[in-house]
Amino acid sequence: MRTEDRLNEIKAVVGELIAAPSCCAELKNLGQAYLDSVGTDKEAEAAKALIAEASEDITPIDALIAFAGSDRAKEKFGSDFAATLEAHGKEIKAKGAVYCDCAACAAAEKLVNMKDSILL
């Protein structure tokens, strides 16, 4: 059974996800759909979709580093920011990071770790 406190914690993390500038539109939409469905007969379906997408969207640290070092990243963000992002990825990997630590990935990882409380 999920407590009201746990539900509030889940809603807060979904709110963090939705607010993250680095969160893709699809995951934002699924996050909002989940929030809108809480307490309804559509909650279980929305929760499954949210957790599935969050699991897919968390960027592994090696993928972040590879992307940040690519020409595509340089075109999208500019050479300076891409180099900073690549250096950051290498730094957090050296400290043990498994995933990107941007706001969207961090919130998605929290949700995946909370899935037993979300998938009822």
N, C-alpha and C. Protein backbone atom coordinates (compact mmCIF):
# COMPACT_ATOMS: atom_id res chain seq x y z
N MET A 1 0.84 -1.19 0.00
CA MET A 1 0.00 0.00 0.00
C MET A 1 0.89 1.25 0.00
N ARG A 2 0.52 2.21 -0.78
CA ARG A 2 1.27 3.44 -0.91
C ARG A 2 0.69 4.49 0.04
N THR A 3 1.56 5.13 0.79
CA THR A 3 1.11 6.16 1.72
C THR A 3 0.92 7.49 0.99
N GLU A 4 0.22 8.39 1.63
CA GLU A 4 0.02 9.73 1.07
C GLU A 4 1.36 10.46 0.95
N ASP A 5 2.24 10.27 1.92
CA ASP A 5 3.58 10.89 1.85
C ASP A 5 4.35 10.38 0.64
N ARG A 6 4.28 9.07 0.40
CA ARG A 6 4.99 8.50 -0.75
C ARG A 6 4.41 9.02 -2.05
N LEU A 7 3.10 9.14 -2.12
CA LEU A 7 2.46 9.69 -3.31
C LEU A 7 2.90 11.13 -3.54
N ASN A 8 2.96 11.91 -2.48
CA ASN A 8 3.42 13.29 -2.61
C ASN A 8 4.87 13.35 -3.08
N GLU A 9 5.69 12.43 -2.61
CA GLU A 9 7.09 12.35 -3.05
C GLU A 9 7.16 12.02 -4.54
N ILE A 10 6.36 11.07 -4.98
CA ILE A 10 6.30 10.69 -6.40
C ILE A 10 5.87 11.89 -7.24
N LYS A 11 4.83 12.57 -6.82
CA LYS A 11 4.34 13.74 -7.56
C LYS A 11 5.42 14.82 -7.65
N ALA A 12 6.16 15.01 -6.57
CA ALA A 12 7.23 16.02 -6.57
C ALA A 12 8.32 15.66 -7.58
N VAL A 13 8.68 14.38 -7.65
CA VAL A 13 9.71 13.95 -8.60
C VAL A 13 9.20 14.10 -10.03
N VAL A 14 7.95 13.75 -10.25
CA VAL A 14 7.37 13.94 -11.59
C VAL A 14 7.37 15.44 -11.93
N GLY A 15 7.09 16.27 -10.96
CA GLY A 15 7.14 17.72 -11.18
C GLY A 15 8.55 18.18 -11.55
N GLU A 16 9.57 17.63 -10.87
CA GLU A 16 10.96 17.94 -11.21
C GLU A 16 11.26 17.55 -12.65
N LEU A 17 10.78 16.37 -13.02
CA LEU A 17 11.00 15.87 -14.38
C LEU A 17 10.39 16.80 -15.41
N ILE A 18 9.14 17.15 -15.20
CA ILE A 18 8.42 18.01 -16.14
C ILE A 18 9.10 19.37 -16.26
N ALA A 19 9.61 19.88 -15.16
CA ALA A 19 10.24 21.20 -15.14
C ALA A 19 11.65 21.22 -15.72
N ALA A 20 12.25 20.06 -15.88
CA ALA A 20 13.64 19.99 -16.34
C ALA A 20 13.76 20.44 -17.79
N PRO A 21 14.60 21.43 -18.05
CA PRO A 21 14.78 21.90 -19.43
C PRO A 21 15.30 20.81 -20.37
N SER A 22 16.02 19.86 -19.83
CA SER A 22 16.59 18.79 -20.65
C SER A 22 15.63 17.63 -20.89
N CYS A 23 14.44 17.71 -20.35
CA CYS A 23 13.46 16.63 -20.52
C CYS A 23 12.79 16.75 -21.88
N CYS A 24 12.72 15.63 -22.60
CA CYS A 24 12.09 15.63 -23.92
C CYS A 24 10.57 15.80 -23.78
N ALA A 25 9.96 16.26 -24.84
CA ALA A 25 8.52 16.54 -24.84
C ALA A 25 7.70 15.29 -24.53
N GLU A 26 8.10 14.16 -25.08
CA GLU A 26 7.33 12.93 -24.86
C GLU A 26 7.29 12.56 -23.38
N LEU A 27 8.44 12.63 -22.72
CA LEU A 27 8.48 12.28 -21.30
C LEU A 27 7.74 13.32 -20.46
N LYS A 28 7.84 14.60 -20.83
CA LYS A 28 7.07 15.63 -20.13
C LYS A 28 5.58 15.34 -20.23
N ASN A 29 5.13 14.99 -21.44
CA ASN A 29 3.71 14.70 -21.65
C ASN A 29 3.27 13.49 -20.83
N LEU A 30 4.09 12.46 -20.79
CA LEU A 30 3.74 11.27 -20.00
C LEU A 30 3.74 11.58 -18.51
N GLY A 31 4.65 12.45 -18.09
CA GLY A 31 4.66 12.86 -16.69
C GLY A 31 3.39 13.60 -16.32
N GLN A 32 2.98 14.52 -17.18
CA GLN A 32 1.74 15.26 -16.92
C GLN A 32 0.53 14.34 -16.98
N ALA A 33 0.53 13.41 -17.92
CA ALA A 33 -0.58 12.45 -18.02
C ALA A 33 -0.67 11.60 -16.75
N TYR A 34 0.49 11.24 -16.20
CA TYR A 34 0.48 10.47 -14.95
C TYR A 34 -0.13 11.32 -13.83
N LEU A 35 0.35 12.54 -13.69
CA LEU A 35 -0.18 13.41 -12.62
C LEU A 35 -1.69 13.59 -12.77
N ASP A 36 -2.14 13.77 -13.98
CA ASP A 36 -3.57 13.95 -14.23
C ASP A 36 -4.37 12.69 -13.93
N SER A 37 -3.72 11.54 -13.98
CA SER A 37 -4.44 10.26 -13.81
C SER A 37 -4.44 9.75 -12.37
N VAL A 38 -3.63 10.34 -11.51
CA VAL A 38 -3.53 9.84 -10.13
C VAL A 38 -4.92 9.82 -9.48
N GLY A 39 -5.26 8.66 -8.93
CA GLY A 39 -6.55 8.49 -8.27
C GLY A 39 -7.69 8.11 -9.20
N THR A 40 -7.37 7.91 -10.48
CA THR A 40 -8.41 7.51 -11.44
C THR A 40 -8.14 6.09 -11.92
N ASP A 41 -9.05 5.57 -12.72
CA ASP A 41 -8.87 4.24 -13.27
C ASP A 41 -7.81 4.20 -14.37
N LYS A 42 -7.28 5.33 -14.75
CA LYS A 42 -6.24 5.40 -15.77
C LYS A 42 -4.83 5.49 -15.17
N GLU A 43 -4.73 5.52 -13.85
CA GLU A 43 -3.43 5.70 -13.20
C GLU A 43 -2.46 4.57 -13.52
N ALA A 44 -2.89 3.33 -13.45
CA ALA A 44 -1.98 2.20 -13.69
C ALA A 44 -1.39 2.24 -15.09
N GLU A 45 -2.22 2.52 -16.07
CA GLU A 45 -1.76 2.60 -17.46
C GLU A 45 -0.78 3.77 -17.64
N ALA A 46 -1.11 4.91 -17.07
CA ALA A 46 -0.23 6.08 -17.17
C ALA A 46 1.10 5.84 -16.45
N ALA A 47 1.03 5.16 -15.32
CA ALA A 47 2.26 4.86 -14.56
C ALA A 47 3.17 3.94 -15.36
N LYS A 48 2.61 2.92 -15.99
CA LYS A 48 3.42 2.01 -16.82
C LYS A 48 4.10 2.75 -17.95
N ALA A 49 3.36 3.61 -18.61
CA ALA A 49 3.92 4.37 -19.73
C ALA A 49 5.03 5.31 -19.26
N LEU A 50 4.81 5.96 -18.12
CA LEU A 50 5.81 6.87 -17.57
C LEU A 50 7.09 6.14 -17.21
N ILE A 51 6.97 5.04 -16.51
CA ILE A 51 8.16 4.29 -16.08
C ILE A 51 8.89 3.71 -17.29
N ALA A 52 8.16 3.23 -18.27
CA ALA A 52 8.81 2.67 -19.47
C ALA A 52 9.61 3.75 -20.19
N GLU A 53 9.02 4.92 -20.37
CA GLU A 53 9.71 6.00 -21.07
C GLU A 53 10.87 6.54 -20.25
N ALA A 54 10.67 6.69 -18.95
CA ALA A 54 11.75 7.17 -18.09
C ALA A 54 12.93 6.21 -18.14
N SER A 55 12.66 4.92 -18.14
CA SER A 55 13.73 3.92 -18.21
C SER A 55 14.52 4.04 -19.51
N GLU A 56 13.82 4.30 -20.59
CA GLU A 56 14.46 4.43 -21.91
C GLU A 56 15.25 5.72 -22.05
N ASP A 57 14.78 6.77 -21.38
CA ASP A 57 15.35 8.10 -21.59
C ASP A 57 16.55 8.43 -20.70
N ILE A 58 16.81 7.65 -19.68
CA ILE A 58 17.98 7.92 -18.84
C ILE A 58 19.22 7.66 -19.69
N THR A 59 20.07 8.65 -19.81
CA THR A 59 21.25 8.54 -20.66
C THR A 59 22.42 7.93 -19.89
N PRO A 60 22.91 6.78 -20.34
CA PRO A 60 24.11 6.20 -19.72
C PRO A 60 25.28 7.17 -19.87
N ILE A 61 26.16 7.20 -18.89
CA ILE A 61 27.25 8.16 -18.87
C ILE A 61 28.14 8.04 -20.11
N ASP A 62 28.40 6.83 -20.57
CA ASP A 62 29.24 6.67 -21.76
C ASP A 62 28.57 7.26 -23.00
N ALA A 63 27.25 7.16 -23.08
CA ALA A 63 26.52 7.75 -24.20
C ALA A 63 26.57 9.28 -24.13
N LEU A 64 26.49 9.82 -22.92
CA LEU A 64 26.60 11.27 -22.76
C LEU A 64 27.97 11.75 -23.23
N ILE A 65 29.01 11.08 -22.79
CA ILE A 65 30.37 11.47 -23.15
C ILE A 65 30.56 11.38 -24.67
N ALA A 66 30.08 10.29 -25.25
CA ALA A 66 30.22 10.11 -26.70
C ALA A 66 29.47 11.21 -27.46
N PHE A 67 28.26 11.50 -27.03
CA PHE A 67 27.47 12.54 -27.68
C PHE A 67 28.15 13.90 -27.53
N ALA A 68 28.57 14.21 -26.32
CA ALA A 68 29.17 15.53 -26.06
C ALA A 68 30.42 15.74 -26.89
N GLY A 69 31.13 14.69 -27.23
CA GLY A 69 32.33 14.80 -28.05
C GLY A 69 32.07 14.75 -29.54
N SER A 70 30.81 14.66 -29.93
CA SER A 70 30.47 14.52 -31.35
C SER A 70 30.28 15.86 -32.05
N ASP A 71 30.35 15.80 -33.37
CA ASP A 71 30.07 16.99 -34.18
C ASP A 71 28.63 17.44 -34.00
N ARG A 72 27.74 16.51 -33.80
CA ARG A 72 26.32 16.85 -33.59
C ARG A 72 26.14 17.72 -32.35
N ALA A 73 26.83 17.36 -31.26
CA ALA A 73 26.75 18.16 -30.03
C ALA A 73 27.33 19.55 -30.26
N LYS A 74 28.43 19.61 -31.00
CA LYS A 74 29.06 20.91 -31.29
C LYS A 74 28.12 21.79 -32.11
N GLU A 75 27.41 21.19 -33.05
CA GLU A 75 26.45 21.93 -33.87
C GLU A 75 25.26 22.39 -33.03
N LYS A 76 24.80 21.53 -32.15
CA LYS A 76 23.62 21.83 -31.35
C LYS A 76 23.90 22.84 -30.24
N PHE A 77 25.03 22.66 -29.55
CA PHE A 77 25.31 23.47 -28.36
C PHE A 77 26.46 24.46 -28.52
N GLY A 78 27.21 24.32 -29.59
CA GLY A 78 28.42 25.12 -29.74
C GLY A 78 29.62 24.35 -29.20
N SER A 79 30.78 24.60 -29.74
CA SER A 79 31.99 23.86 -29.37
C SER A 79 32.35 23.99 -27.90
N ASP A 80 32.23 25.20 -27.35
CA ASP A 80 32.61 25.41 -25.96
C ASP A 80 31.73 24.62 -25.00
N PHE A 81 30.41 24.71 -25.19
CA PHE A 81 29.53 23.99 -24.27
C PHE A 81 29.67 22.49 -24.45
N ALA A 82 29.80 22.02 -25.67
CA ALA A 82 29.99 20.59 -25.91
C ALA A 82 31.24 20.09 -25.21
N ALA A 83 32.33 20.85 -25.26
CA ALA A 83 33.57 20.45 -24.58
C ALA A 83 33.38 20.45 -23.07
N THR A 84 32.65 21.42 -22.56
CA THR A 84 32.37 21.48 -21.12
C THR A 84 31.52 20.28 -20.70
N LEU A 85 30.53 19.96 -21.50
CA LEU A 85 29.66 18.81 -21.22
C LEU A 85 30.45 17.51 -21.25
N GLU A 86 31.32 17.37 -22.23
CA GLU A 86 32.14 16.17 -22.32
C GLU A 86 33.06 16.05 -21.10
N ALA A 87 33.69 17.13 -20.72
CA ALA A 87 34.56 17.12 -19.54
C ALA A 87 33.78 16.79 -18.28
N HIS A 88 32.57 17.35 -18.16
CA HIS A 88 31.72 17.07 -17.00
C HIS A 88 31.36 15.58 -16.96
N GLY A 89 30.98 15.04 -18.10
CA GLY A 89 30.65 13.62 -18.17
C GLY A 89 31.81 12.75 -17.73
N LYS A 90 33.00 13.06 -18.19
CA LYS A 90 34.19 12.29 -17.80
C LYS A 90 34.47 12.44 -16.31
N GLU A 91 34.26 13.64 -15.78
CA GLU A 91 34.50 13.88 -14.36
C GLU A 91 33.54 13.07 -13.48
N ILE A 92 32.25 13.11 -13.81
CA ILE A 92 31.30 12.38 -12.97
C ILE A 92 31.43 10.87 -13.16
N LYS A 93 31.84 10.44 -14.35
CA LYS A 93 32.10 9.01 -14.56
C LYS A 93 33.25 8.56 -13.67
N ALA A 94 34.30 9.37 -13.58
CA ALA A 94 35.45 9.03 -12.74
C ALA A 94 35.04 8.92 -11.27
N LYS A 95 33.98 9.62 -10.90
CA LYS A 95 33.48 9.57 -9.52
C LYS A 95 32.45 8.46 -9.31
N GLY A 96 32.20 7.69 -10.38
CA GLY A 96 31.29 6.54 -10.26
C GLY A 96 29.92 6.70 -10.87
N ALA A 97 29.66 7.81 -11.53
CA ALA A 97 28.33 8.00 -12.14
C ALA A 97 28.09 6.95 -13.21
N VAL A 98 26.88 6.45 -13.24
CA VAL A 98 26.46 5.48 -14.24
C VAL A 98 25.63 6.17 -15.33
N TYR A 99 24.94 7.24 -14.92
CA TYR A 99 24.05 7.96 -15.82
C TYR A 99 24.38 9.45 -15.84
N CYS A 100 23.90 10.11 -16.85
CA CYS A 100 23.94 11.57 -16.94
C CYS A 100 23.29 12.14 -15.68
N ASP A 101 23.78 13.28 -15.24
CA ASP A 101 23.21 13.88 -14.03
C ASP A 101 22.40 15.14 -14.30
N CYS A 102 21.98 15.34 -15.56
CA CYS A 102 21.12 16.49 -15.84
C CYS A 102 19.81 16.31 -15.06
N ALA A 103 19.06 17.38 -14.94
CA ALA A 103 17.83 17.34 -14.15
C ALA A 103 16.84 16.28 -14.65
N ALA A 104 16.72 16.13 -15.96
CA ALA A 104 15.78 15.15 -16.51
C ALA A 104 16.23 13.72 -16.21
N CYS A 105 17.49 13.43 -16.45
CA CYS A 105 17.99 12.08 -16.18
C CYS A 105 17.95 11.76 -14.69
N ALA A 106 18.29 12.73 -13.85
CA ALA A 106 18.26 12.50 -12.41
C ALA A 106 16.84 12.21 -11.92
N ALA A 107 15.87 12.97 -12.41
CA ALA A 107 14.48 12.72 -12.02
C ALA A 107 13.97 11.40 -12.58
N ALA A 108 14.33 11.09 -13.82
CA ALA A 108 13.91 9.82 -14.42
C ALA A 108 14.48 8.65 -13.63
N GLU A 109 15.74 8.76 -13.23
CA GLU A 109 16.35 7.69 -12.44
C GLU A 109 15.63 7.53 -11.10
N LYS A 110 15.27 8.64 -10.46
CA LYS A 110 14.52 8.57 -9.20
C LYS A 110 13.20 7.84 -9.41
N LEU A 111 12.49 8.18 -10.50
CA LEU A 111 11.21 7.53 -10.77
C LEU A 111 11.38 6.04 -10.99
N VAL A 112 12.37 5.67 -11.76
CA VAL A 112 12.60 4.24 -12.01
C VAL A 112 12.90 3.53 -10.69
N ASN A 113 13.65 4.17 -9.81
CA ASN A 113 13.96 3.57 -8.51
C ASN A 113 12.74 3.52 -7.59
N MET A 114 11.72 4.32 -7.89
CA MET A 114 10.49 4.35 -7.10
C MET A 114 9.38 3.52 -7.74
N LYS A 115 9.70 2.79 -8.79
CA LYS A 115 8.64 2.16 -9.60
C LYS A 115 7.74 1.24 -8.80
N ASP A 116 8.25 0.60 -7.76
CA ASP A 116 7.38 -0.28 -6.96
C ASP A 116 6.26 0.49 -6.27
N SER A 117 6.50 1.75 -5.98
CA SER A 117 5.47 2.59 -5.37
C SER A 117 4.57 3.24 -6.42
N ILE A 118 5.05 3.31 -7.65
CA ILE A 118 4.28 3.96 -8.72
C ILE A 118 3.40 2.94 -9.44
N LEU A 119 3.97 1.78 -9.71
CA LEU A 119 3.22 0.72 -10.42
C LEU A 119 2.43 -0.09 -9.41
N LEU A 120 1.20 0.26 -9.25
CA LEU A 120 0.36 -0.43 -8.26
C LEU A 120 -0.52 -1.47 -8.89
